[in-house]
Amino acid sequence: MLLAIGSAVCIPARAVAQNKTQNVASAQRGASLTPAEVMKKVVAPIASSSNVQASFIASAGGHNVSGTLKSSDAKFAVTTPESSVWFDGKTMWTANHATKETTITVPDAAEIAATNPLAYIRNYNSDYRLFFSKRKTPEGKWLVLLNPKKGGTGVKAVEVTVDKASFTPERLIIRKDDDSVIQINITKLSHNVTAGPSDFVYPAAKYSSYEVVDLR
């Protein structure tokens, strides 16, 4: 998967704790907004856009990779120099450009989130309990902590940096169950970009020289 590339920066392990003290601190850090209200404002323009495109840099284990993500509801496509992924809402195609191999799968929710960082943001309300992070908050930002409601997701916590003026998500720090950490910096987020159904389906003709491994 695109983002399963090791460990990098750290979220303190205690950041995943849930307690009353943190709830009080959350209200204080958020001024007049709760973590849920912040995330609602983050998601609103994404949910109302016909298509969203994000440029990002993913960092883990001393390795950085830049790429673009195009998303339309549950569908998405991710392109990096190393691999490309297409998901039409049911089937995922992952093309490894080094090995010239394309793998076809029917991913679960955890696999989708590991490939599409916007899935954490889109599903904040259904899948996570929300807090403000205990870490020192940069000026003009919110640090919203997403703790999974259920186990088995492979993720302990996701910290989202949000710009207070625009409510734009700028960074995701994802701590996985094995304590490896992935950082996603969103360098540009555009709404209502042009996209059609074919953008989210594997272009087999373009990659006709790739070996196809069907794992469905």
Protein backbone atom coordinates (compact mmCIF):
# COMPACT_ATOMS: atom_id res chain seq x y z
CA MET A 1 0.00 0.00 0.00
CA LEU A 2 1.07 3.54 -0.71
CA LEU A 3 1.48 4.73 2.86
CA ALA A 4 2.77 1.56 4.49
CA ILE A 5 6.38 2.72 4.31
CA GLY A 6 7.70 2.47 7.87
CA SER A 7 8.00 4.89 10.79
CA ALA A 8 8.95 8.52 11.11
CA VAL A 9 7.84 11.28 13.50
CA CYS A 10 6.25 10.56 16.88
CA ILE A 11 2.88 11.12 18.49
CA PRO A 12 3.31 10.47 22.22
CA ALA A 13 1.75 7.11 23.07
CA ARG A 14 -0.20 8.73 25.87
CA ALA A 15 -1.94 10.87 23.26
CA VAL A 16 -4.33 8.01 22.61
CA ALA A 17 -5.60 8.03 26.21
CA GLN A 18 -9.17 9.13 26.78
CA ASN A 19 -10.11 10.72 30.09
CA LYS A 20 -12.12 13.49 31.67
CA THR A 21 -9.10 15.72 32.17
CA GLN A 22 -8.44 15.67 28.45
CA ASN A 23 -12.06 16.58 27.74
CA VAL A 24 -11.75 19.67 29.92
CA ALA A 25 -8.47 20.62 28.27
CA SER A 26 -10.09 20.07 24.88
CA ALA A 27 -12.72 22.69 25.55
CA GLN A 28 -10.08 25.16 26.66
CA ARG A 29 -7.82 24.60 23.65
CA GLY A 30 -10.64 24.90 21.16
CA ALA A 31 -11.78 28.32 22.38
CA SER A 32 -15.49 28.29 21.45
CA LEU A 33 -15.30 25.19 19.22
CA THR A 34 -15.23 21.52 20.15
CA PRO A 35 -13.08 19.00 18.23
CA ALA A 36 -16.23 17.71 16.51
CA GLU A 37 -17.19 21.21 15.42
CA VAL A 38 -13.72 21.81 14.00
CA MET A 39 -13.83 18.58 12.00
CA LYS A 40 -17.33 19.32 10.77
CA LYS A 41 -16.04 22.58 9.28
CA VAL A 42 -13.06 20.75 7.78
CA VAL A 43 -15.21 18.12 6.09
CA ALA A 44 -18.05 20.38 4.88
CA PRO A 45 -16.29 21.76 1.75
CA ILE A 46 -14.82 18.33 0.96
CA ALA A 47 -18.19 16.60 1.23
CA SER A 48 -19.97 19.26 -0.84
CA SER A 49 -17.39 19.22 -3.66
CA SER A 50 -18.06 17.07 -6.69
CA ASN A 51 -14.39 16.11 -6.82
CA VAL A 52 -11.38 16.95 -4.62
CA GLN A 53 -7.71 16.94 -5.52
CA ALA A 54 -4.85 17.06 -3.02
CA SER A 55 -1.09 17.31 -3.46
CA PHE A 56 0.82 15.70 -0.59
CA ILE A 57 4.18 14.57 0.77
CA ALA A 58 4.19 11.33 2.76
CA SER A 59 7.10 10.76 5.17
CA ALA A 60 8.02 7.60 7.06
CA GLY A 61 11.18 5.79 8.05
CA GLY A 62 13.38 8.49 6.55
CA HIS A 63 11.69 8.07 3.17
CA ASN A 64 9.63 10.81 1.51
CA VAL A 65 7.28 10.44 -1.43
CA SER A 66 5.24 13.17 -3.11
CA GLY A 67 2.03 12.55 -4.95
CA THR A 68 -1.47 13.62 -5.91
CA LEU A 69 -4.83 12.31 -4.81
CA LYS A 70 -8.09 12.77 -6.69
CA SER A 71 -11.26 11.81 -4.84
CA SER A 72 -14.99 11.65 -5.59
CA ASP A 73 -17.04 10.37 -2.66
CA ALA A 74 -15.77 6.81 -2.05
CA LYS A 75 -13.79 6.70 -5.30
CA PHE A 76 -10.19 7.86 -5.54
CA ALA A 77 -6.95 7.70 -7.49
CA VAL A 78 -3.46 8.22 -6.10
CA THR A 79 -0.36 8.85 -8.17
CA THR A 80 3.27 8.87 -6.98
CA PRO A 81 6.56 8.21 -8.80
CA GLU A 82 6.64 4.75 -7.20
CA SER A 83 3.08 3.53 -7.61
CA SER A 84 -0.41 4.43 -8.76
CA VAL A 85 -3.71 3.35 -7.25
CA TRP A 86 -7.27 3.43 -8.59
CA PHE A 87 -10.37 2.63 -6.55
CA ASP A 88 -13.84 2.69 -8.14
CA GLY A 89 -15.73 2.16 -4.90
CA LYS A 90 -15.35 -1.61 -4.94
CA THR A 91 -12.18 -2.74 -6.71
CA MET A 92 -8.65 -1.42 -6.14
CA TRP A 93 -5.85 -1.62 -8.67
CA THR A 94 -2.29 -0.94 -7.44
CA ALA A 95 0.41 -0.53 -10.07
CA ASN A 96 4.02 -0.87 -8.89
CA HIS A 97 6.10 1.04 -11.42
CA ALA A 98 9.40 -0.53 -10.34
CA THR A 99 8.28 -4.14 -10.79
CA LYS A 100 5.76 -3.39 -13.56
CA GLU A 101 3.11 -5.37 -11.71
CA THR A 102 -0.51 -4.48 -11.02
CA THR A 103 -2.38 -6.06 -8.12
CA ILE A 104 -6.18 -6.21 -8.04
CA THR A 105 -7.94 -6.46 -4.67
CA VAL A 106 -11.24 -5.75 -2.95
CA PRO A 107 -9.96 -3.69 -0.01
CA ASP A 108 -11.43 -3.37 3.47
CA ALA A 109 -11.87 -0.04 5.27
CA ALA A 110 -8.40 -0.17 6.84
CA GLU A 111 -6.74 -0.76 3.47
CA ILE A 112 -8.67 2.11 1.93
CA ALA A 113 -7.61 4.48 4.72
CA ALA A 114 -3.97 3.36 4.38
CA THR A 115 -4.05 4.41 0.74
CA ASN A 116 -6.32 7.46 0.85
CA PRO A 117 -5.49 9.82 3.74
CA LEU A 118 -8.70 11.79 3.18
CA ALA A 119 -10.63 8.72 4.35
CA TYR A 120 -9.58 9.46 7.94
CA ILE A 121 -11.06 12.94 7.61
CA ARG A 122 -14.22 11.90 5.77
CA ASN A 123 -15.01 9.19 8.35
CA TYR A 124 -14.15 11.19 11.47
CA ASN A 125 -17.69 11.13 12.84
CA SER A 126 -18.51 7.46 12.36
CA ASP A 127 -15.16 5.84 13.11
CA TYR A 128 -13.41 8.01 15.72
CA ARG A 129 -13.68 9.68 19.10
CA LEU A 130 -12.40 13.23 18.94
CA PHE A 131 -10.16 15.24 21.28
CA PHE A 132 -7.77 18.13 21.06
CA SER A 133 -4.18 16.89 21.21
CA LYS A 134 -2.16 17.49 24.38
CA ARG A 135 0.84 18.47 22.30
CA LYS A 136 1.74 22.15 22.06
CA THR A 137 -0.47 23.65 19.40
CA PRO A 138 1.20 25.87 16.76
CA GLU A 139 -0.08 29.43 16.48
CA GLY A 140 -3.18 29.66 14.32
CA LYS A 141 -3.77 25.90 14.22
CA TRP A 142 -5.87 23.21 15.83
CA LEU A 143 -4.50 19.77 16.58
CA VAL A 144 -7.44 17.35 16.54
CA LEU A 145 -6.85 13.79 17.74
CA LEU A 146 -8.89 10.97 16.22
CA ASN A 147 -9.00 7.79 18.32
CA PRO A 148 -10.63 4.74 16.68
CA LYS A 149 -13.89 3.64 18.28
CA LYS A 150 -13.13 0.01 17.47
CA GLY A 151 -10.01 -2.13 17.48
CA GLY A 152 -8.66 -3.96 14.52
CA THR A 153 -8.21 -0.90 12.33
CA GLY A 154 -4.42 -1.06 12.51
CA VAL A 155 -4.36 2.54 13.78
CA LYS A 156 -3.95 3.84 17.33
CA ALA A 157 -4.51 7.52 16.61
CA VAL A 158 -4.57 10.13 13.88
CA GLU A 159 -3.61 13.72 14.62
CA VAL A 160 -4.95 16.30 12.16
CA THR A 161 -3.46 19.80 11.95
CA VAL A 162 -6.14 22.27 10.90
CA ASP A 163 -5.68 25.92 9.92
CA LYS A 164 -7.94 28.07 12.11
CA ALA A 165 -8.63 30.69 9.45
CA SER A 166 -9.55 28.41 6.53
CA PHE A 167 -10.34 25.09 8.29
CA THR A 168 -8.04 23.43 5.77
CA PRO A 169 -6.43 20.14 6.87
CA GLU A 170 -2.67 20.63 6.56
CA ARG A 171 -1.08 17.55 8.13
CA LEU A 172 -2.00 14.08 9.31
CA ILE A 173 0.20 12.10 11.70
CA ILE A 174 -0.90 8.48 11.79
CA ARG A 175 0.29 6.22 14.62
CA LYS A 176 -0.23 2.57 13.73
CA ASP A 177 -0.70 -0.39 16.08
CA ASP A 178 2.98 -1.31 15.80
CA ASP A 179 3.88 2.29 16.82
CA SER A 180 5.22 3.12 13.37
CA VAL A 181 4.21 6.61 12.31
CA ILE A 182 3.38 8.12 8.93
CA GLN A 183 3.18 11.85 8.34
CA ILE A 184 1.13 13.26 5.47
CA ASN A 185 1.64 16.94 4.62
CA ILE A 186 -1.14 18.26 2.39
CA THR A 187 0.52 20.96 0.31
CA LYS A 188 -2.53 21.89 -1.77
CA LEU A 189 -6.22 21.06 -1.61
CA SER A 190 -8.53 21.95 -4.52
CA HIS A 191 -12.31 21.54 -4.68
CA ASN A 192 -14.65 20.83 -7.59
CA VAL A 193 -11.89 19.71 -9.94
CA THR A 194 -12.75 17.99 -13.20
CA ALA A 195 -13.00 14.20 -12.99
CA GLY A 196 -15.01 11.40 -14.51
CA PRO A 197 -15.65 7.71 -13.76
CA SER A 198 -12.67 6.65 -15.89
CA ASP A 199 -10.30 8.55 -13.58
CA PHE A 200 -10.95 5.94 -10.88
CA VAL A 201 -10.58 2.80 -13.01
CA TYR A 202 -7.32 1.12 -13.99
CA PRO A 203 -6.27 2.20 -17.51
CA ALA A 204 -5.30 -1.28 -18.69
CA ALA A 205 -4.27 -0.15 -22.17
CA LYS A 206 -1.76 2.33 -20.77
CA TYR A 207 -0.16 -0.38 -18.64
CA SER A 208 -0.47 -3.28 -21.06
CA SER A 209 3.13 -4.34 -20.36
CA TYR A 210 2.43 -4.79 -16.62
CA GLU A 211 1.82 -8.23 -15.17
CA VAL A 212 -1.61 -8.40 -13.53
CA VAL A 213 -2.08 -10.31 -10.24
CA ASP A 214 -5.78 -10.70 -9.43
CA LEU A 215 -6.31 -11.32 -5.69
CA ARG A 216 -10.06 -10.77 -5.60
